[in-house]
Amino acid sequence: MAKVKLANIVTHCNQTLKPESFEDWPGAMNGLQVENHGGVSRIAAAVDATPATVKKTIAA
């Protein structure tokens, strides 16, 4: 699977999903939760970012 630059994925997701337009509880974090220094070959979407979400994404 080809890897894509993280910045390209974040830009696309932010333009498509517009996370800043959601009203959420104070302190909520919408958008990128975990970043890396290399390319991206898998992404996950979850209500809450947890270590289990990251581990399952890596294993997929």
PDB file of N, CA and C in Angstrom:
ATOM      1  N   MET A   1       0.841  -1.174   0.000  1.00  0.00           N
ATOM      2  CA  MET A   1       0.000   0.000   0.000  1.00  0.00           C
ATOM      3  C   MET A   1       0.889   1.241   0.000  1.00  0.00           C
ATOM      4  N   ALA A   2       0.577   2.196  -0.825  1.00  0.00           N
ATOM      5  CA  ALA A   2       1.354   3.431  -0.905  1.00  0.00           C
ATOM      6  C   ALA A   2       1.126   4.279   0.342  1.00  0.00           C
ATOM      7  N   LYS A   3       2.180   4.967   0.753  1.00  0.00           N
ATOM      8  CA  LYS A   3       2.064   5.856   1.904  1.00  0.00           C
ATOM      9  C   LYS A   3       1.807   7.278   1.421  1.00  0.00           C
ATOM     10  N   VAL A   4       1.044   8.011   2.205  1.00  0.00           N
ATOM     11  CA  VAL A   4       0.663   9.382   1.887  1.00  0.00           C
ATOM     12  C   VAL A   4       1.183  10.280   3.001  1.00  0.00           C
ATOM     13  N   LYS A   5       1.523  11.521   2.667  1.00  0.00           N
ATOM     14  CA  LYS A   5       1.989  12.458   3.685  1.00  0.00           C
ATOM     15  C   LYS A   5       0.849  12.772   4.652  1.00  0.00           C
ATOM     16  N   LEU A   6       1.185  12.785   5.938  1.00  0.00           N
ATOM     17  CA  LEU A   6       0.200  13.068   6.974  1.00  0.00           C
ATOM     18  C   LEU A   6      -0.480  14.417   6.743  1.00  0.00           C
ATOM     19  N   ALA A   7       0.280  15.429   6.375  1.00  0.00           N
ATOM     20  CA  ALA A   7      -0.290  16.767   6.158  1.00  0.00           C
ATOM     21  C   ALA A   7      -1.375  16.746   5.089  1.00  0.00           C
ATOM     22  N   ASN A   8      -1.198  15.934   4.047  1.00  0.00           N
ATOM     23  CA  ASN A   8      -2.210  15.839   2.985  1.00  0.00           C
ATOM     24  C   ASN A   8      -3.510  15.227   3.506  1.00  0.00           C
ATOM     25  N   ILE A   9      -3.386  14.211   4.346  1.00  0.00           N
ATOM     26  CA  ILE A   9      -4.572  13.562   4.910  1.00  0.00           C
ATOM     27  C   ILE A   9      -5.297  14.513   5.852  1.00  0.00           C
ATOM     28  N   VAL A  10      -4.548  15.196   6.712  1.00  0.00           N
ATOM     29  CA  VAL A  10      -5.160  16.129   7.665  1.00  0.00           C
ATOM     30  C   VAL A  10      -5.879  17.251   6.926  1.00  0.00           C
ATOM     31  N   THR A  11      -5.242  17.808   5.910  1.00  0.00           N
ATOM     32  CA  THR A  11      -5.872  18.876   5.132  1.00  0.00           C
ATOM     33  C   THR A  11      -7.165  18.389   4.493  1.00  0.00           C
ATOM     34  N   HIS A  12      -7.122  17.226   3.870  1.00  0.00           N
ATOM     35  CA  HIS A  12      -8.321  16.674   3.226  1.00  0.00           C
ATOM     36  C   HIS A  12      -9.433  16.442   4.253  1.00  0.00           C
ATOM     37  N   CYS A  13      -9.101  15.809   5.361  1.00  0.00           N
ATOM     38  CA  CYS A  13     -10.115  15.527   6.390  1.00  0.00           C
ATOM     39  C   CYS A  13     -10.704  16.816   6.957  1.00  0.00           C
ATOM     40  N   ASN A  14      -9.861  17.799   7.245  1.00  0.00           N
ATOM     41  CA  ASN A  14     -10.358  19.062   7.795  1.00  0.00           C
ATOM     42  C   ASN A  14     -11.255  19.796   6.806  1.00  0.00           C
ATOM     43  N   GLN A  15     -10.901  19.774   5.519  1.00  0.00           N
ATOM     44  CA  GLN A  15     -11.726  20.437   4.507  1.00  0.00           C
ATOM     45  C   GLN A  15     -13.051  19.705   4.302  1.00  0.00           C
ATOM     46  N   THR A  16     -13.022  18.387   4.397  1.00  0.00           N
ATOM     47  CA  THR A  16     -14.223  17.588   4.169  1.00  0.00           C
ATOM     48  C   THR A  16     -15.143  17.564   5.390  1.00  0.00           C
ATOM     49  N   LEU A  17     -14.563  17.324   6.562  1.00  0.00           N
ATOM     50  CA  LEU A  17     -15.366  17.126   7.772  1.00  0.00           C
ATOM     51  C   LEU A  17     -15.640  18.406   8.559  1.00  0.00           C
ATOM     52  N   LYS A  18     -14.807  19.430   8.363  1.00  0.00           N
ATOM     53  CA  LYS A  18     -14.956  20.719   9.042  1.00  0.00           C
ATOM     54  C   LYS A  18     -15.153  20.563  10.558  1.00  0.00           C
ATOM     55  N   PRO A  19     -14.177  19.978  11.253  1.00  0.00           N
ATOM     56  CA  PRO A  19     -14.342  19.711  12.688  1.00  0.00           C
ATOM     57  C   PRO A  19     -14.582  20.963  13.525  1.00  0.00           C
ATOM     58  N   GLU A  20     -14.120  22.119  13.069  1.00  0.00           N
ATOM     59  CA  GLU A  20     -14.324  23.353  13.826  1.00  0.00           C
ATOM     60  C   GLU A  20     -15.793  23.780  13.853  1.00  0.00           C
ATOM     61  N   SER A  21     -16.621  23.208  12.982  1.00  0.00           N
ATOM     62  CA  SER A  21     -18.032  23.588  12.918  1.00  0.00           C
ATOM     63  C   SER A  21     -18.899  22.829  13.928  1.00  0.00           C
ATOM     64  N   PHE A  22     -18.334  21.837  14.620  1.00  0.00           N
ATOM     65  CA  PHE A  22     -19.091  21.049  15.583  1.00  0.00           C
ATOM     66  C   PHE A  22     -19.048  21.700  16.958  1.00  0.00           C
ATOM     67  N   GLU A  23     -20.222  21.796  17.586  1.00  0.00           N
ATOM     68  CA  GLU A  23     -20.250  22.213  18.982  1.00  0.00           C
ATOM     69  C   GLU A  23     -19.967  20.970  19.809  1.00  0.00           C
ATOM     70  N   ASP A  24     -19.039  21.083  20.712  1.00  0.00           N
ATOM     71  CA  ASP A  24     -18.639  19.942  21.524  1.00  0.00           C
ATOM     72  C   ASP A  24     -18.437  20.423  22.945  1.00  0.00           C
ATOM     73  N   TRP A  25     -18.199  19.519  23.848  1.00  0.00           N
ATOM     74  CA  TRP A  25     -17.977  19.923  25.234  1.00  0.00           C
ATOM     75  C   TRP A  25     -16.613  20.595  25.358  1.00  0.00           C
ATOM     76  N   PRO A  26     -16.455  21.491  26.334  1.00  0.00           N
ATOM     77  CA  PRO A  26     -15.174  22.196  26.508  1.00  0.00           C
ATOM     78  C   PRO A  26     -14.022  21.205  26.687  1.00  0.00           C
ATOM     79  N   GLY A  27     -12.947  21.445  26.013  1.00  0.00           N
ATOM     80  CA  GLY A  27     -11.781  20.572  26.120  1.00  0.00           C
ATOM     81  C   GLY A  27     -11.765  19.426  25.125  1.00  0.00           C
ATOM     82  N   ALA A  28     -12.844  19.255  24.361  1.00  0.00           N
ATOM     83  CA  ALA A  28     -12.883  18.172  23.377  1.00  0.00           C
ATOM     84  C   ALA A  28     -11.866  18.444  22.279  1.00  0.00           C
ATOM     85  N   MET A  29     -11.251  17.380  21.789  1.00  0.00           N
ATOM     86  CA  MET A  29     -10.282  17.492  20.703  1.00  0.00           C
ATOM     87  C   MET A  29     -10.828  16.774  19.482  1.00  0.00           C
ATOM     88  N   ASN A  30     -11.138  17.526  18.452  1.00  0.00           N
ATOM     89  CA  ASN A  30     -11.582  16.943  17.186  1.00  0.00           C
ATOM     90  C   ASN A  30     -10.467  17.117  16.174  1.00  0.00           C
ATOM     91  N   GLY A  31     -10.228  16.098  15.382  1.00  0.00           N
ATOM     92  CA  GLY A  31      -9.174  16.170  14.381  1.00  0.00           C
ATOM     93  C   GLY A  31      -8.045  15.207  14.705  1.00  0.00           C
ATOM     94  N   LEU A  32      -6.859  15.525  14.201  1.00  0.00           N
ATOM     95  CA  LEU A  32      -5.697  14.654  14.367  1.00  0.00           C
ATOM     96  C   LEU A  32      -5.380  14.449  15.843  1.00  0.00           C
ATOM     97  N   GLN A  33      -5.228  13.198  16.251  1.00  0.00           N
ATOM     98  CA  GLN A  33      -4.912  12.867  17.637  1.00  0.00           C
ATOM     99  C   GLN A  33      -3.499  12.328  17.805  1.00  0.00           C
ATOM    100  N   VAL A  34      -2.990  11.640  16.809  1.00  0.00           N
ATOM    101  CA  VAL A  34      -1.660  11.025  16.880  1.00  0.00           C
ATOM    102  C   VAL A  34      -0.933  11.356  15.591  1.00  0.00           C
ATOM    103  N   GLU A  35       0.276  11.898  15.702  1.00  0.00           N
ATOM    104  CA  GLU A  35       1.023  12.195  14.479  1.00  0.00           C
ATOM    105  C   GLU A  35       2.306  11.385  14.426  1.00  0.00           C
ATOM    106  N   ASN A  36       2.900  11.346  13.251  1.00  0.00           N
ATOM    107  CA  ASN A  36       4.133  10.599  13.049  1.00  0.00           C
ATOM    108  C   ASN A  36       5.085  11.421  12.196  1.00  0.00           C
ATOM    109  N   HIS A  37       6.246  10.855  11.935  1.00  0.00           N
ATOM    110  CA  HIS A  37       7.249  11.546  11.119  1.00  0.00           C
ATOM    111  C   HIS A  37       7.380  10.949   9.722  1.00  0.00           C
ATOM    112  N   GLY A  38       6.643   9.895   9.442  1.00  0.00           N
ATOM    113  CA  GLY A  38       6.745   9.233   8.146  1.00  0.00           C
ATOM    114  C   GLY A  38       5.448   9.330   7.378  1.00  0.00           C
ATOM    115  N   GLY A  39       5.291   8.437   6.429  1.00  0.00           N
ATOM    116  CA  GLY A  39       4.074   8.384   5.643  1.00  0.00           C
ATOM    117  C   GLY A  39       2.977   7.656   6.391  1.00  0.00           C
ATOM    118  N   VAL A  40       1.779   7.757   5.877  1.00  0.00           N
ATOM    119  CA  VAL A  40       0.616   7.131   6.498  1.00  0.00           C
ATOM    120  C   VAL A  40       0.081   6.069   5.552  1.00  0.00           C
ATOM    121  N   SER A  41      -0.135   4.866   6.067  1.00  0.00           N
ATOM    122  CA  SER A  41      -0.710   3.797   5.257  1.00  0.00           C
ATOM    123  C   SER A  41      -2.047   3.316   5.814  1.00  0.00           C
ATOM    124  N   ARG A  42      -2.396   3.726   7.046  1.00  0.00           N
ATOM    125  CA  ARG A  42      -3.675   3.353   7.653  1.00  0.00           C
ATOM    126  C   ARG A  42      -4.185   4.529   8.479  1.00  0.00           C
ATOM    127  N   ILE A  43      -5.497   4.667   8.540  1.00  0.00           N
ATOM    128  CA  ILE A  43      -6.089   5.651   9.435  1.00  0.00           C
ATOM    129  C   ILE A  43      -7.234   4.992  10.184  1.00  0.00           C
ATOM    130  N   ALA A  44      -7.591   5.565  11.319  1.00  0.00           N
ATOM    131  CA  ALA A  44      -8.715   5.070  12.107  1.00  0.00           C
ATOM    132  C   ALA A  44      -9.600   6.244  12.478  1.00  0.00           C
ATOM    133  N   ALA A  45     -10.864   5.975  12.617  1.00  0.00           N
ATOM    134  CA  ALA A  45     -11.809   6.975  13.109  1.00  0.00           C
ATOM    135  C   ALA A  45     -12.478   6.387  14.339  1.00  0.00           C
ATOM    136  N   ALA A  46     -12.559   7.173  15.390  1.00  0.00           N
ATOM    137  CA  ALA A  46     -13.145   6.686  16.629  1.00  0.00           C
ATOM    138  C   ALA A  46     -13.761   7.846  17.397  1.00  0.00           C
ATOM    139  N   VAL A  47     -14.706   7.529  18.259  1.00  0.00           N
ATOM    140  CA  VAL A  47     -15.304   8.546  19.115  1.00  0.00           C
ATOM    141  C   VAL A  47     -14.269   9.048  20.103  1.00  0.00           C
ATOM    142  N   ASP A  48     -13.506   8.153  20.686  1.00  0.00           N
ATOM    143  CA  ASP A  48     -12.450   8.506  21.627  1.00  0.00           C
ATOM    144  C   ASP A  48     -11.150   7.848  21.195  1.00  0.00           C
ATOM    145  N   ALA A  49     -10.078   8.629  21.154  1.00  0.00           N
ATOM    146  CA  ALA A  49      -8.762   8.069  20.825  1.00  0.00           C
ATOM    147  C   ALA A  49      -8.228   7.361  22.065  1.00  0.00           C
ATOM    148  N   THR A  50      -7.924   6.087  21.916  1.00  0.00           N
ATOM    149  CA  THR A  50      -7.394   5.297  23.028  1.00  0.00           C
ATOM    150  C   THR A  50      -6.224   4.467  22.524  1.00  0.00           C
ATOM    151  N   PRO A  51      -5.401   3.956  23.429  1.00  0.00           N
ATOM    152  CA  PRO A  51      -4.328   3.057  22.994  1.00  0.00           C
ATOM    153  C   PRO A  51      -4.869   1.850  22.216  1.00  0.00           C
ATOM    154  N   ALA A  52      -6.031   1.357  22.595  1.00  0.00           N
ATOM    155  CA  ALA A  52      -6.609   0.205  21.887  1.00  0.00           C
ATOM    156  C   ALA A  52      -6.929   0.554  20.434  1.00  0.00           C
ATOM    157  N   THR A  53      -7.421   1.764  20.184  1.00  0.00           N
ATOM    158  CA  THR A  53      -7.706   2.198  18.813  1.00  0.00           C
ATOM    159  C   THR A  53      -6.439   2.198  17.979  1.00  0.00           C
ATOM    160  N   VAL A  54      -5.365   2.735  18.545  1.00  0.00           N
ATOM    161  CA  VAL A  54      -4.083   2.789  17.835  1.00  0.00           C
ATOM    162  C   VAL A  54      -3.568   1.380  17.569  1.00  0.00           C
ATOM    163  N   LYS A  55      -3.596   0.513  18.564  1.00  0.00           N
ATOM    164  CA  LYS A  55      -3.098  -0.857  18.401  1.00  0.00           C
ATOM    165  C   LYS A  55      -3.890  -1.620  17.340  1.00  0.00           C
ATOM    166  N   LYS A  56      -5.200  -1.457  17.334  1.00  0.00           N
ATOM    167  CA  LYS A  56      -6.027  -2.154  16.341  1.00  0.00           C
ATOM    168  C   LYS A  56      -5.767  -1.627  14.932  1.00  0.00           C
ATOM    169  N   THR A  57      -5.496  -0.331  14.814  1.00  0.00           N
ATOM    170  CA  THR A  57      -5.180   0.243  13.504  1.00  0.00           C
ATOM    171  C   THR A  57      -3.857  -0.298  12.991  1.00  0.00           C
ATOM    172  N   ILE A  58      -2.866  -0.362  13.855  1.00  0.00           N
ATOM    173  CA  ILE A  58      -1.556  -0.894  13.469  1.00  0.00           C
ATOM    174  C   ILE A  58      -1.679  -2.348  13.038  1.00  0.00           C
ATOM    175  N   ALA A  59      -2.496  -3.111  13.739  1.00  0.00           N
ATOM    176  CA  ALA A  59      -2.639  -4.536  13.449  1.00  0.00           C
ATOM    177  C   ALA A  59      -3.452  -4.811  12.183  1.00  0.00           C
ATOM    178  N   ALA A  60      -4.240  -3.857  11.738  1.00  0.00           N
ATOM    179  CA  ALA A  60      -5.128  -4.073  10.577  1.00  0.00           C
ATOM    180  C   ALA A  60      -4.341  -4.266   9.303  1.00  0.00           C
TER     181      ALA A  60
END
